[in-house]
Amino acid sequence: MKAGLREAILLVDLYQHHGSGYSMSFVLQPWQLLFAILSGWIHHRQQQIIEFQNDQIQSRMALNPPKSFSG
């Protein structure tokens, strides 16, 4: 959730241009902020699952090395 929130905060950040006297701001709608946070959380969770599965595969490969075929 931290990554999604950090990305959302960066998107909401306001830009001020002081030289010519105008300011421009970009503000997300509440649903867009929620979507960004949820997307970040889902991505993080998927990465955790992938790492876990890779660890499981490596440990099983270490216990049962693949057999070579001599045909």
C-alpha atoms as a PDB file:
ATOM      1  CA  MET A   1       0.000   0.000   0.000  1.00  0.00           C
ATOM      2  CA  LYS A   2       2.922   2.317   0.574  1.00  0.00           C
ATOM      3  CA  ALA A   3       3.937   2.344  -3.095  1.00  0.00           C
ATOM      4  CA  GLY A   4       0.412   3.141  -4.312  1.00  0.00           C
ATOM      5  CA  LEU A   5      -0.031   5.911  -1.780  1.00  0.00           C
ATOM      6  CA  ARG A   6       3.354   7.397  -2.663  1.00  0.00           C
ATOM      7  CA  GLU A   7       2.436   7.414  -6.380  1.00  0.00           C
ATOM      8  CA  ALA A   8      -0.937   8.974  -5.640  1.00  0.00           C
ATOM      9  CA  ILE A   9       0.642  11.718  -3.543  1.00  0.00           C
ATOM     10  CA  LEU A  10       3.050  12.487  -6.368  1.00  0.00           C
ATOM     11  CA  LEU A  11       0.108  12.803  -8.769  1.00  0.00           C
ATOM     12  CA  VAL A  12      -1.744  15.138  -6.428  1.00  0.00           C
ATOM     13  CA  ASP A  13       1.291  17.364  -5.915  1.00  0.00           C
ATOM     14  CA  LEU A  14       0.620  20.962  -6.940  1.00  0.00           C
ATOM     15  CA  TYR A  15       2.776  22.810  -9.435  1.00  0.00           C
ATOM     16  CA  GLN A  16       3.295  26.540  -8.875  1.00  0.00           C
ATOM     17  CA  HIS A  17       4.834  28.737 -11.534  1.00  0.00           C
ATOM     18  CA  HIS A  18       5.798  32.029  -9.910  1.00  0.00           C
ATOM     19  CA  GLY A  19       7.535  33.698 -12.863  1.00  0.00           C
ATOM     20  CA  SER A  20       4.509  34.687 -14.923  1.00  0.00           C
ATOM     21  CA  GLY A  21       1.982  34.919 -12.098  1.00  0.00           C
ATOM     22  CA  TYR A  22      -0.192  31.882 -12.895  1.00  0.00           C
ATOM     23  CA  SER A  23      -0.596  28.600 -11.070  1.00  0.00           C
ATOM     24  CA  MET A  24      -1.669  25.222 -12.358  1.00  0.00           C
ATOM     25  CA  SER A  25      -2.947  22.434 -10.124  1.00  0.00           C
ATOM     26  CA  PHE A  26      -3.923  18.858 -10.797  1.00  0.00           C
ATOM     27  CA  VAL A  27      -6.143  17.234  -8.202  1.00  0.00           C
ATOM     28  CA  LEU A  28      -7.428  13.670  -8.384  1.00  0.00           C
ATOM     29  CA  GLN A  29     -11.034  12.781  -7.840  1.00  0.00           C
ATOM     30  CA  PRO A  30     -11.601  10.608  -4.742  1.00  0.00           C
ATOM     31  CA  TRP A  31     -12.319   7.493  -6.831  1.00  0.00           C
ATOM     32  CA  GLN A  32      -9.106   8.032  -8.801  1.00  0.00           C
ATOM     33  CA  LEU A  33      -7.084   8.263  -5.599  1.00  0.00           C
ATOM     34  CA  LEU A  34      -8.741   5.102  -4.276  1.00  0.00           C
ATOM     35  CA  PHE A  35      -8.061   3.333  -7.587  1.00  0.00           C
ATOM     36  CA  ALA A  36      -4.371   4.334  -7.511  1.00  0.00           C
ATOM     37  CA  ILE A  37      -3.946   3.115  -3.934  1.00  0.00           C
ATOM     38  CA  LEU A  38      -5.803  -0.136  -4.647  1.00  0.00           C
ATOM     39  CA  SER A  39      -3.738  -0.757  -7.789  1.00  0.00           C
ATOM     40  CA  GLY A  40      -0.499  -0.250  -5.872  1.00  0.00           C
ATOM     41  CA  TRP A  41      -1.623  -2.619  -3.132  1.00  0.00           C
ATOM     42  CA  ILE A  42      -2.668  -5.307  -5.637  1.00  0.00           C
ATOM     43  CA  HIS A  43       0.649  -4.997  -7.483  1.00  0.00           C
ATOM     44  CA  HIS A  44       2.589  -5.341  -4.221  1.00  0.00           C
ATOM     45  CA  ARG A  45       0.538  -8.407  -3.199  1.00  0.00           C
ATOM     46  CA  GLN A  46       1.086 -10.046  -6.590  1.00  0.00           C
ATOM     47  CA  GLN A  47       4.838  -9.508  -6.269  1.00  0.00           C
ATOM     48  CA  GLN A  48       4.775 -11.188  -2.843  1.00  0.00           C
ATOM     49  CA  ILE A  49       2.924 -14.189  -4.288  1.00  0.00           C
ATOM     50  CA  ILE A  50       5.373 -14.481  -7.191  1.00  0.00           C
ATOM     51  CA  GLU A  51       8.360 -14.381  -4.822  1.00  0.00           C
ATOM     52  CA  PHE A  52       6.764 -17.045  -2.604  1.00  0.00           C
ATOM     53  CA  GLN A  53       6.077 -19.311  -5.577  1.00  0.00           C
ATOM     54  CA  ASN A  54       9.623 -18.877  -6.890  1.00  0.00           C
ATOM     55  CA  ASP A  55      10.994 -19.827  -3.461  1.00  0.00           C
ATOM     56  CA  GLN A  56       8.765 -22.914  -3.408  1.00  0.00           C
ATOM     57  CA  ILE A  57       9.960 -23.970  -6.875  1.00  0.00           C
ATOM     58  CA  GLN A  58      13.624 -23.497  -5.930  1.00  0.00           C
ATOM     59  CA  SER A  59      13.288 -25.495  -2.726  1.00  0.00           C
ATOM     60  CA  ARG A  60      11.509 -28.364  -4.517  1.00  0.00           C
ATOM     61  CA  MET A  61      14.076 -28.349  -7.307  1.00  0.00           C
ATOM     62  CA  ALA A  62      16.820 -28.612  -4.666  1.00  0.00           C
ATOM     63  CA  LEU A  63      15.102 -31.622  -3.058  1.00  0.00           C
ATOM     64  CA  ASN A  64      14.238 -33.325  -6.361  1.00  0.00           C
ATOM     65  CA  PRO A  65      16.702 -32.342  -9.086  1.00  0.00           C
ATOM     66  CA  PRO A  66      15.398 -32.791 -12.618  1.00  0.00           C
ATOM     67  CA  LYS A  67      16.195 -36.144 -14.180  1.00  0.00           C
ATOM     68  CA  SER A  68      18.220 -36.184 -17.344  1.00  0.00           C
ATOM     69  CA  PHE A  69      16.777 -38.099 -20.255  1.00  0.00           C
ATOM     70  CA  SER A  70      19.138 -40.284 -22.248  1.00  0.00           C
ATOM     71  CA  GLY A  71      17.035 -41.424 -25.113  1.00  0.00           C
END
